[in-house]
Protein backbone atom coordinates (compact mmCIF):
# COMPACT_ATOMS: atom_id res chain seq x y z
CA MET A 1 0.00 0.00 0.00
CA SER A 2 1.41 3.41 -0.95
CA LEU A 3 2.13 5.87 1.85
CA PRO A 4 -0.59 8.39 0.85
CA ARG A 5 -3.15 5.60 0.65
CA PHE A 6 -2.03 4.21 4.01
CA HIS A 7 -2.29 7.69 5.52
CA ARG A 8 -5.84 8.03 4.21
CA LEU A 9 -6.76 4.66 5.71
CA VAL A 10 -5.30 5.57 9.12
CA PHE A 11 -7.04 8.93 8.96
CA LEU A 12 -10.42 7.27 8.32
CA VAL A 13 -9.87 4.86 11.21
CA ALA A 14 -8.94 7.82 13.41
CA VAL A 15 -12.14 9.65 12.40
CA LEU A 16 -14.18 6.66 13.58
CA VAL A 17 -12.17 6.30 16.80
CA TYR A 18 -12.47 10.00 17.60
CA LEU A 19 -16.21 10.03 16.92
CA VAL A 20 -16.79 7.08 19.26
CA THR A 21 -14.56 8.64 21.90
CA ALA A 22 -16.29 12.01 21.63
CA TRP A 23 -19.68 10.32 22.02
CA ASN A 24 -18.73 8.31 25.11
CA SER A 25 -16.25 10.64 26.81
CA THR A 26 -18.93 12.70 28.51
CA GLY A 27 -18.14 15.11 31.29
CA TYR A 28 -14.78 16.64 32.02
CA HIS A 29 -11.33 15.34 32.82
CA SER A 30 -10.28 18.10 35.23
CA ALA A 31 -12.29 20.69 37.14
CA ASP A 32 -10.79 23.51 35.08
CA GLU A 33 -12.21 21.99 31.89
CA HIS A 34 -15.71 22.68 33.21
CA PHE A 35 -15.53 25.42 35.82
CA GLN A 36 -13.20 27.73 33.89
CA ILE A 37 -14.69 27.28 30.43
CA ILE A 38 -18.23 25.85 30.41
CA ALA A 39 -19.28 27.66 33.60
CA PHE A 40 -17.83 30.95 32.31
CA ALA A 41 -19.78 30.54 29.06
CA GLN A 42 -22.87 29.59 31.03
CA TRP A 43 -22.57 32.87 32.95
CA LYS A 44 -22.11 34.84 29.75
CA VAL A 45 -25.32 33.46 28.22
CA GLY A 46 -27.22 34.23 31.44
CA GLU A 47 -27.60 30.72 32.82
CA LEU A 48 -25.39 31.03 35.92
CA ALA A 49 -25.03 33.70 38.58
CA VAL A 50 -21.59 35.30 38.83
CA GLU A 51 -21.24 34.31 42.49
CA HIS A 52 -21.17 30.66 41.43
CA LEU A 53 -18.08 31.09 39.26
CA ALA A 54 -14.63 29.85 40.25
CA TRP A 55 -12.26 32.23 42.02
CA GLU A 56 -10.23 32.56 38.82
CA PHE A 57 -13.00 34.78 37.44
CA ASP A 58 -12.55 37.45 40.12
CA ALA A 59 -8.76 37.09 39.79
CA GLY A 60 -9.05 37.71 36.03
CA ILE A 61 -6.53 35.00 35.12
CA ARG A 62 -8.68 32.90 32.78
CA SER A 63 -8.56 33.80 29.08
CA SER A 64 -11.97 34.32 27.51
CA PHE A 65 -10.89 32.77 24.19
CA GLN A 66 -12.35 29.30 24.79
CA PRO A 67 -15.37 30.54 26.80
CA TRP A 68 -16.21 32.79 23.83
CA ILE A 69 -16.07 29.75 21.53
CA ALA A 70 -18.37 27.88 23.91
CA VAL A 71 -20.75 30.86 23.94
CA GLY A 72 -20.84 30.76 20.14
CA VAL A 73 -21.56 27.02 20.11
CA PHE A 74 -24.28 27.41 22.75
CA ARG A 75 -25.92 30.24 20.80
CA CYS A 76 -25.88 28.22 17.57
CA ALA A 77 -27.29 25.20 19.41
CA GLU A 78 -30.04 27.35 20.89
CA ALA A 79 -30.92 28.66 17.43
CA CYS A 80 -31.30 25.03 16.31
CA GLY A 81 -33.53 24.20 19.27
CA ILE A 82 -30.83 22.34 21.21
CA SER A 83 -30.81 23.19 24.91
CA ASP A 84 -29.80 20.06 26.79
CA PRO A 85 -26.28 20.22 28.29
CA PHE A 86 -25.18 16.84 26.94
CA THR A 87 -25.67 17.71 23.28
CA ARG A 88 -24.08 21.13 23.75
CA THR A 89 -20.92 19.66 25.28
CA LEU A 90 -20.90 16.90 22.66
CA LEU A 91 -20.71 19.65 20.05
CA LEU A 92 -17.66 21.06 21.81
CA ARG A 93 -16.01 17.64 21.84
CA LEU A 94 -16.78 17.12 18.15
CA LEU A 95 -15.36 20.56 17.37
CA THR A 96 -12.18 19.63 19.24
CA ALA A 97 -11.95 16.28 17.45
CA ALA A 98 -12.24 17.98 14.05
CA PHE A 99 -9.54 20.48 15.02
CA ALA A 100 -7.31 17.63 16.24
CA LEU A 101 -7.70 15.57 13.07
CA ILE A 102 -6.77 18.56 10.91
CA ALA A 103 -3.80 19.48 13.13
CA VAL A 104 -2.42 15.93 13.35
CA ARG A 105 -2.85 15.35 9.62
CA GLY A 106 -0.79 18.39 8.71
CA PHE A 107 1.92 17.71 11.28
CA ALA A 108 2.17 14.00 10.41
CA ARG A 109 2.56 14.75 6.71
CA VAL A 110 5.41 17.21 7.31
CA THR A 111 7.31 15.15 9.89
CA SER A 112 6.86 11.74 8.24
CA ALA A 113 8.53 13.08 5.09
CA THR A 114 11.79 13.47 7.08
CA MET A 115 11.81 9.83 8.24
CA ASP A 116 13.17 6.61 6.86
CA ALA A 117 10.58 4.93 4.62
CA LYS A 118 10.33 1.91 6.95
CA LEU A 119 9.29 4.12 9.85
CA GLN A 120 6.70 6.27 8.12
CA LYS A 121 3.71 3.92 8.35
CA PRO A 122 4.22 3.01 12.04
CA TYR A 123 4.66 6.70 12.78
CA LEU A 124 1.41 7.66 11.07
CA ALA A 125 -0.49 5.02 13.04
CA ILE A 126 1.00 6.17 16.34
CA ALA A 127 0.46 9.85 15.55
CA TYR A 128 -3.32 9.34 15.45
CA LEU A 129 -3.92 6.29 17.64
CA LEU A 130 -1.47 6.30 20.55
CA TRP A 131 -4.04 5.42 23.17
CA PHE A 132 -4.20 8.65 25.19
CA LEU A 133 -4.31 10.96 22.15
CA PRO A 134 -7.95 10.30 21.12
CA PHE A 135 -8.97 11.05 24.72
CA LEU A 136 -7.07 14.35 24.75
CA HIS A 137 -8.24 15.16 21.22
CA VAL A 138 -11.88 15.40 22.27
CA ARG A 139 -11.28 17.46 25.41
CA PHE A 140 -12.43 21.09 25.16
CA SER A 141 -9.75 22.02 27.68
CA SER A 142 -6.96 24.57 27.75
CA GLU A 143 -4.30 21.84 27.77
CA SER A 144 -5.68 20.06 24.70
CA TRP A 145 -6.32 23.18 22.65
CA SER A 146 -2.96 24.74 23.47
CA GLY A 147 -1.25 21.49 22.44
CA LEU A 148 -3.13 21.41 19.14
CA PHE A 149 -2.26 25.02 18.36
CA LEU A 150 1.39 24.20 19.13
CA LEU A 151 1.16 21.30 16.70
CA VAL A 152 -0.07 23.64 13.96
CA MET A 153 2.69 26.09 14.88
CA PHE A 154 5.35 23.37 14.53
CA THR A 155 3.86 22.35 11.18
CA THR A 156 4.07 25.93 9.95
CA ILE A 157 7.65 26.35 11.18
CA LEU A 158 8.83 23.09 9.61
CA LYS A 159 6.95 23.45 6.34
CA ARG A 160 7.56 27.17 5.83
CA GLY A 161 6.09 28.99 2.86
CA ASN A 162 4.71 32.44 2.15
CA GLY A 163 4.44 34.44 5.36
CA TRP A 164 5.12 31.35 7.44
CA ALA A 165 6.75 33.17 10.37
CA PHE A 166 3.87 35.60 10.94
CA LYS A 167 1.35 32.75 10.63
CA ALA A 168 3.34 30.70 13.14
CA GLY A 169 3.31 33.67 15.51
CA ILE A 170 -0.46 34.01 15.27
CA ILE A 171 -0.90 30.32 16.06
CA ALA A 172 1.63 30.55 18.91
CA GLY A 173 -0.36 33.44 20.36
CA LEU A 174 -3.54 31.34 20.28
CA ALA A 175 -1.72 28.54 22.11
CA MET A 176 -0.67 31.01 24.81
CA LEU A 177 -4.21 32.38 25.10
CA CYS A 178 -5.40 28.85 25.86
CA ARG A 179 -2.58 28.17 28.32
CA PRO A 180 0.03 30.88 29.05
CA PRO A 181 2.79 28.44 30.23
CA THR A 182 3.05 27.15 26.65
CA GLY A 183 4.85 30.42 25.97
CA LEU A 184 7.95 28.61 27.24
CA ILE A 185 7.57 26.04 24.44
CA VAL A 186 7.18 28.88 21.93
CA LEU A 187 10.34 30.57 23.23
CA SER A 188 12.19 27.25 23.02
CA ALA A 189 11.10 26.83 19.40
CA VAL A 190 12.28 30.36 18.62
CA ALA A 191 15.64 29.62 20.24
CA TRP A 192 15.93 26.48 18.08
CA MET A 193 15.12 28.48 14.96
CA MET A 194 17.81 31.03 15.79
CA THR A 195 20.63 28.70 16.85
CA MET A 196 20.02 25.39 15.08
CA ARG A 197 18.31 26.35 11.85
CA LYS A 198 19.86 29.83 11.63
CA ASP A 199 16.64 31.54 10.57
CA HIS A 200 16.87 35.18 9.63
CA LEU A 201 16.09 37.72 12.35
CA ARG A 202 13.33 39.04 10.11
CA SER A 203 11.50 35.72 10.52
CA ILE A 204 11.95 35.80 14.29
CA PHE A 205 10.60 39.33 14.40
CA SER A 206 7.59 38.35 12.24
CA LEU A 207 6.80 35.43 14.52
CA GLY A 208 7.01 37.60 17.61
CA LEU A 209 4.84 40.26 15.97
CA GLY A 210 2.17 37.70 15.09
CA ALA A 211 2.10 36.41 18.67
CA LEU A 212 1.94 39.95 20.08
CA VAL A 213 -0.99 40.87 17.82
CA VAL A 214 -2.97 37.86 19.03
CA LEU A 215 -2.18 38.53 22.69
CA LEU A 216 -3.34 42.13 22.33
CA LEU A 217 -6.53 41.01 20.60
CA GLY A 218 -6.95 38.47 23.38
CA ALA A 219 -6.80 41.29 25.93
CA LEU A 220 -9.60 43.08 24.03
CA LEU A 221 -11.68 39.89 24.01
CA ASP A 222 -11.07 39.48 27.74
CA SER A 223 -12.12 43.05 28.45
CA ALA A 224 -15.34 42.54 26.48
CA PHE A 225 -16.00 39.30 28.34
CA TYR A 226 -15.25 40.52 31.87
CA GLY A 227 -16.76 43.98 31.36
CA SER A 228 -13.58 45.89 32.22
CA PHE A 229 -9.96 45.99 31.10
CA THR A 230 -8.67 42.52 32.03
CA PRO A 231 -5.37 41.33 30.49
CA THR A 232 -5.73 37.73 31.65
CA THR A 233 -2.42 36.49 30.22
CA TRP A 234 -0.52 39.21 32.10
CA ASN A 235 -2.51 38.53 35.28
CA TYR A 236 -1.78 34.81 35.00
CA VAL A 237 1.96 35.30 34.55
CA HIS A 238 2.09 37.90 37.34
CA MET A 239 0.29 35.58 39.77
CA GLY A 240 2.60 32.74 38.70
CA PHE A 241 5.65 34.71 39.82
CA ALA A 242 4.14 36.63 42.75
CA GLY A 243 1.99 33.79 44.06
CA ASP A 244 -1.44 34.00 45.62
CA ALA A 245 -1.58 33.71 49.40
CA GLY A 246 -5.32 33.08 49.27
CA HIS A 247 -5.06 29.88 47.24
CA ARG A 248 -2.54 27.27 48.25
CA PHE A 249 -2.04 24.05 46.32
CA ASP A 250 -0.44 20.76 47.24
CA GLU A 251 3.28 20.67 46.54
CA LEU A 252 5.22 17.61 45.38
CA PRO A 253 8.96 16.86 44.94
CA TRP A 254 10.71 17.72 41.67
CA TYR A 255 11.03 14.10 40.52
CA TYR A 256 7.30 13.26 40.39
CA TYR A 257 6.68 13.60 36.65
CA PRO A 258 8.78 10.63 35.41
CA PRO A 259 7.01 8.11 37.72
CA TRP A 260 3.66 9.59 36.76
CA ILE A 261 4.46 9.19 33.06
CA VAL A 262 5.39 5.53 33.59
CA LYS A 263 2.32 4.88 35.71
CA TYR A 264 -0.40 6.73 33.81
CA ALA A 265 0.78 6.24 30.24
CA ILE A 266 0.51 2.47 31.03
CA PRO A 267 3.94 1.16 32.17
CA PRO A 268 5.20 -0.46 28.92
CA ILE A 269 4.36 2.68 26.97
CA GLY A 270 5.40 5.03 29.76
CA VAL A 271 8.82 3.38 30.03
CA SER A 272 9.20 3.63 26.25
CA ILE A 273 8.46 7.37 26.39
CA LEU A 274 11.05 7.99 29.10
CA LEU A 275 13.69 5.87 27.34
CA ALA A 276 13.01 7.67 24.07
CA PHE A 277 13.36 11.00 25.83
CA VAL A 278 16.74 9.99 27.29
CA VAL A 279 17.96 8.68 23.92
CA MET A 280 17.03 11.92 22.18
CA VAL A 281 18.59 14.13 24.86
CA LEU A 282 21.87 12.16 24.72
CA LYS A 283 22.07 11.36 21.01
CA ARG A 284 20.04 14.08 19.25
CA PRO A 285 20.25 17.15 21.50
CA LYS A 286 19.71 19.47 18.51
CA HIS A 287 16.27 18.00 17.71
CA LEU A 288 13.31 20.36 17.95
CA VAL A 289 11.48 18.01 20.35
CA VAL A 290 14.42 18.11 22.76
CA TRP A 291 14.67 21.88 22.62
CA CYS A 292 10.96 22.32 23.34
CA ALA A 293 10.40 19.54 25.86
CA VAL A 294 13.45 19.82 28.14
CA PRO A 295 12.95 23.44 29.35
CA TYR A 296 9.21 22.95 29.75
CA VAL A 297 9.56 19.74 31.77
CA LEU A 298 12.40 21.12 33.90
CA VAL A 299 10.54 24.30 34.82
CA HIS A 300 7.38 22.36 35.72
CA SER A 301 9.46 19.87 37.71
CA PHE A 302 10.70 22.61 40.01
CA ILE A 303 7.27 24.19 40.46
CA GLY A 304 5.83 22.75 43.65
CA HIS A 305 2.25 22.33 42.42
CA LYS A 306 2.18 19.44 39.96
CA GLU A 307 -0.53 17.86 37.87
CA LEU A 308 0.02 15.45 35.00
CA ARG A 309 -2.26 17.56 32.80
CA PHE A 310 0.35 20.33 32.83
CA LEU A 311 2.38 18.12 30.45
CA TYR A 312 -0.53 17.51 28.05
CA PRO A 313 0.55 20.30 25.63
CA LEU A 314 3.55 18.07 24.84
CA ALA A 315 1.46 14.93 24.27
CA ASP A 316 1.19 15.30 20.49
CA LEU A 317 4.99 15.35 20.22
CA VAL A 318 5.28 11.91 21.83
CA PRO A 319 4.81 9.91 18.57
CA TRP A 320 7.55 11.99 16.91
CA LEU A 321 9.74 11.45 19.96
CA LEU A 322 9.22 7.67 19.97
CA VAL A 323 9.89 7.12 16.28
CA SER A 324 12.83 9.54 16.20
CA ALA A 325 14.43 7.72 19.12
CA TRP A 326 13.89 4.36 17.39
CA ALA A 327 15.59 5.75 14.27
CA VAL A 328 18.59 6.61 16.46
CA ILE A 329 18.65 3.12 18.00
CA GLN A 330 18.61 1.42 14.62
CA GLY A 331 22.08 0.40 13.56
CA THR A 332 23.28 -0.03 17.15
CA ARG A 333 23.76 -3.22 19.13
CA TRP A 334 19.97 -3.42 19.54
CA GLU A 335 19.91 -5.03 16.12
CA LYS A 336 21.62 -8.04 17.69
CA VAL A 337 18.64 -8.68 19.98
CA PRO A 338 16.81 -11.82 18.79
CA ARG A 339 13.91 -11.11 16.52
CA ALA A 340 11.55 -13.12 18.72
CA VAL A 341 12.36 -10.88 21.70
CA MET A 342 11.75 -7.72 19.69
CA LEU A 343 8.45 -9.08 18.38
CA GLY A 344 7.44 -9.96 21.94
CA LEU A 345 8.18 -6.43 23.15
CA ALA A 346 6.28 -4.99 20.20
CA GLY A 347 3.34 -7.27 21.03
CA ILE A 348 3.30 -6.07 24.63
CA LEU A 349 3.23 -2.44 23.48
CA LEU A 350 0.48 -3.16 20.95
CA VAL A 351 -1.72 -4.96 23.50
CA ALA A 352 -1.19 -2.18 26.06
CA ASN A 353 -2.18 0.41 23.48
CA LEU A 354 -5.28 -1.51 22.39
CA VAL A 355 -6.42 -1.95 25.99
CA GLY A 356 -5.92 1.74 26.76
CA LEU A 357 -7.66 2.74 23.54
CA SER A 358 -10.65 0.50 24.25
CA VAL A 359 -11.11 2.06 27.68
CA VAL A 360 -10.88 5.72 26.61
CA MET A 361 -13.22 5.05 23.68
CA THR A 362 -15.98 3.68 25.91
CA SER A 363 -15.59 5.47 29.25
CA SER A 364 -16.71 8.81 30.62
CA ALA A 365 -14.20 11.44 31.60
CA GLY A 366 -13.32 12.18 35.21
CA GLU A 367 -15.55 10.64 37.85
CA GLY A 368 -18.23 9.70 35.34
CA ARG A 369 -20.81 11.93 37.02
CA VAL A 370 -22.15 13.23 33.72
CA ARG A 371 -22.91 9.67 32.63
CA LEU A 372 -25.13 9.45 35.72
CA ALA A 373 -26.68 12.83 34.95
CA GLU A 374 -27.71 11.64 31.48
CA ALA A 375 -29.68 8.80 33.07
CA LEU A 376 -31.11 11.11 35.72
CA HIS A 377 -32.48 13.86 33.45
CA PRO A 378 -35.40 12.02 31.80
CA LEU A 379 -36.54 10.59 35.16
CA CYS A 380 -36.34 13.59 37.47
CA LYS A 381 -39.30 15.85 38.23
CA PRO A 382 -39.16 19.33 39.78
CA GLY A 383 -38.91 18.93 43.53
CA ASP A 384 -37.07 15.59 43.42
CA ARG A 385 -34.08 15.17 45.71
CA VAL A 386 -30.85 13.41 44.77
CA GLY A 387 -28.71 12.02 47.58
CA TYR A 388 -24.94 11.54 47.31
CA VAL A 389 -23.46 9.15 49.85
CA ILE A 390 -20.00 10.64 50.37
CA ASP A 391 -17.89 12.49 52.90
CA PRO A 392 -19.15 16.12 52.71
CA ALA A 393 -15.56 17.39 52.52
CA ILE A 394 -15.07 15.76 49.11
CA ALA A 395 -18.64 15.89 47.80
CA TRP A 396 -17.48 18.10 44.90
CA ARG A 397 -15.99 14.98 43.33
CA ILE A 398 -19.37 13.53 42.41
CA ALA A 399 -22.10 16.15 42.98
CA LEU A 400 -23.43 17.54 39.70
CA PRO A 401 -22.53 21.10 38.69
CA ASP A 402 -25.46 23.39 37.98
CA PHE A 403 -24.95 22.95 34.22
CA TYR A 404 -25.83 19.24 34.39
CA ARG A 405 -28.33 19.24 37.28
CA PRO A 406 -31.96 18.59 36.31
CA LYS A 407 -34.02 21.77 36.68
CA GLY A 408 -35.97 22.14 39.87
CA THR A 409 -34.15 19.37 41.74
CA SER A 410 -32.08 19.63 44.88
CA GLU A 411 -29.21 17.56 46.26
CA VAL A 412 -28.48 16.07 49.65
CA ILE A 413 -25.00 15.12 50.82
CA ILE A 414 -25.22 12.04 53.03
CA ASP A 415 -22.25 11.28 55.23
CA PRO A 416 -21.84 7.45 55.21
CA ARG A 417 -20.38 7.62 58.74
CA MET A 418 -23.53 9.17 60.19
CA PRO A 419 -27.14 7.92 60.42
CA TYR A 420 -29.43 9.55 57.88
CA ASP A 421 -32.15 11.55 59.62
CA GLN A 422 -33.32 14.06 57.01
CA PRO A 423 -37.10 14.63 57.18
CA GLU A 424 -37.55 14.93 53.40
CA PRO A 425 -37.57 11.88 51.11
CA VAL A 426 -34.72 11.14 48.74
CA ASN A 427 -35.87 10.06 45.28
CA PHE A 428 -32.49 9.03 43.87
CA ILE A 429 -29.30 7.80 45.50
CA VAL A 430 -25.73 7.86 44.16
CA LEU A 431 -23.60 5.22 45.86
CA GLN A 432 -19.97 4.25 45.40
CA ASP A 433 -19.09 0.59 45.06
CA GLU A 434 -18.36 -1.09 48.41
CA VAL A 435 -19.99 1.77 50.37
CA PRO A 436 -22.87 0.51 52.55
CA VAL A 437 -26.29 2.13 52.41
CA PRO A 438 -26.52 4.29 55.56
CA PHE A 439 -30.19 3.77 56.34
CA GLY A 440 -30.15 1.18 59.06
CA GLU A 441 -31.83 -2.21 59.00
CA GLY A 442 -34.26 -2.82 56.22
CA GLY A 443 -32.73 -0.16 54.04
CA PHE A 444 -34.96 0.65 51.10
CA GLU A 445 -36.10 -0.74 47.80
CA HIS A 446 -33.89 0.56 45.03
CA THR A 447 -33.25 0.00 41.34
CA ALA A 448 -29.89 0.52 39.66
CA LEU A 449 -30.15 2.90 36.72
CA GLU A 450 -26.62 3.65 35.54
CA ARG A 451 -22.95 3.21 36.49
CA SER A 452 -20.26 5.84 36.10
CA GLU A 453 -18.28 3.35 34.04
CA PRO A 454 -19.16 0.04 32.35
CA PHE A 455 -18.78 -3.13 34.40
CA TRP A 456 -16.24 -4.58 31.97
CA SER A 457 -13.88 -1.61 32.31
CA THR A 458 -14.04 -1.33 36.10
CA ARG A 459 -11.23 -3.79 36.74
CA LEU A 460 -9.14 -2.26 33.97
CA MET A 461 -9.61 1.20 35.46
CA ARG A 462 -8.63 -0.05 38.91
CA TRP A 463 -5.54 -1.65 37.41
CA TYR A 464 -4.75 1.54 35.51
CA THR A 465 -4.92 3.68 38.68
CA TRP A 466 -3.00 1.04 40.67
CA ASN A 467 -6.07 0.75 42.95
CA GLU A 468 -5.61 4.36 44.01
CA GLY A 469 -8.41 5.91 41.98
CA PRO A 470 -11.99 6.29 43.22
CA LEU A 471 -14.33 3.34 42.96
CA PRO A 472 -17.15 3.57 40.40
CA TRP A 473 -20.50 5.10 41.27
CA THR A 474 -24.01 3.82 40.64
CA LEU A 475 -27.21 5.81 40.38
CA TYR A 476 -30.25 4.19 42.05
CA ARG A 477 -33.92 5.11 42.02
CA THR A 478 -35.56 4.65 45.39
CA ASP A 479 -38.81 2.72 44.99
CA ARG A 480 -39.82 3.57 48.54
CA SER A 481 -39.24 7.06 49.92
CA VAL A 482 -36.26 7.27 52.21
CA ARG A 483 -36.66 9.49 55.27
């Protein structure tokens, strides 16, 4: 099969995979994905009071770029008679998937042309279908969108053409609007252009001008969104350096990211990523991936507050990293390893990727609460009460945000350590696996309606989180009022 034909085939498979993932990956992966984008848009269209917004709104550190996009999608959906939250967020996931497919296609075409012919087809398959990429490619989050804009920026820098530098600057500015820390990746790319590729200073100036224009336009968008002059990118960077005494986050040691990569990328694949990174740093230190990844990872390693999602803007570079490292290894003593051993290792990686892909294609994002909300909506009536059996201190992990809560319903947080003595009946109960019903002897009649994740994937998810993640939740309808 010719390379262009193979690329078309992989692209069509990726379209199907991304559509299935977008359909099933309901909800949000991190709190910021909802509370700093969807909730902001919900406020802007008049569906949420300002006092219910996250503290980042008052601090003015959240760019309005993605909330404005969500506002546009919500307005278009409303014009088409679509008002339910699940379809509206599905539209955002489909929009992200379309953006991702276009971005990956362009980047894969440019980078595969620089590779050995034997590596091009495996690279194309990995570029679209490395198991965690379809999941990230349907997330309407700042991390995913900034990473996709960076991918388009790299494509523009590598391909070049008429006005390429200014175009790359515009795209870099959009990446920074989504997530300001990606500015470090942009600066690293500029440094590579100046020192490794010896680009003319005119090109560097054009790129910087394009980025500056977008950042200034972003400030105007922010001011229109917030109602007053609010340069969110500047506010974000200033708070990053000055700190915020009112909001303290957990701090972790500098070495946490490598173990996290091994653990959460699925160990065989995670180990491969780390080994590829080491190979490229030692053997190909002039490579663009090395120049962009090393400073970004080092800076984030020495910032006390760590989350794996902070590395997501680099995720789309992982296929390029893996195949480039393998190209370096070829011709070394690794070729003396028995073919059966190499095929066995390849089989392990393939199985791990297929398992991970099957889970992300069929599972909800985050705690799976939105999967429960979808089952709850057609059954709830105004005045119904939904009980969540959970420690009140961590009830935010499962309680439904206003956006997904059925209209006219109320919620009750039930501490499993205390006897339930509320005078009002509870019509629906959300229970975590292995948590007893706290209603004394006799309990109540109840019917299971929906689980936060399918039964078949529960064990896989527990294995994936090394038994540290939360247990699945189940939504029950109470057939006899609980008092």
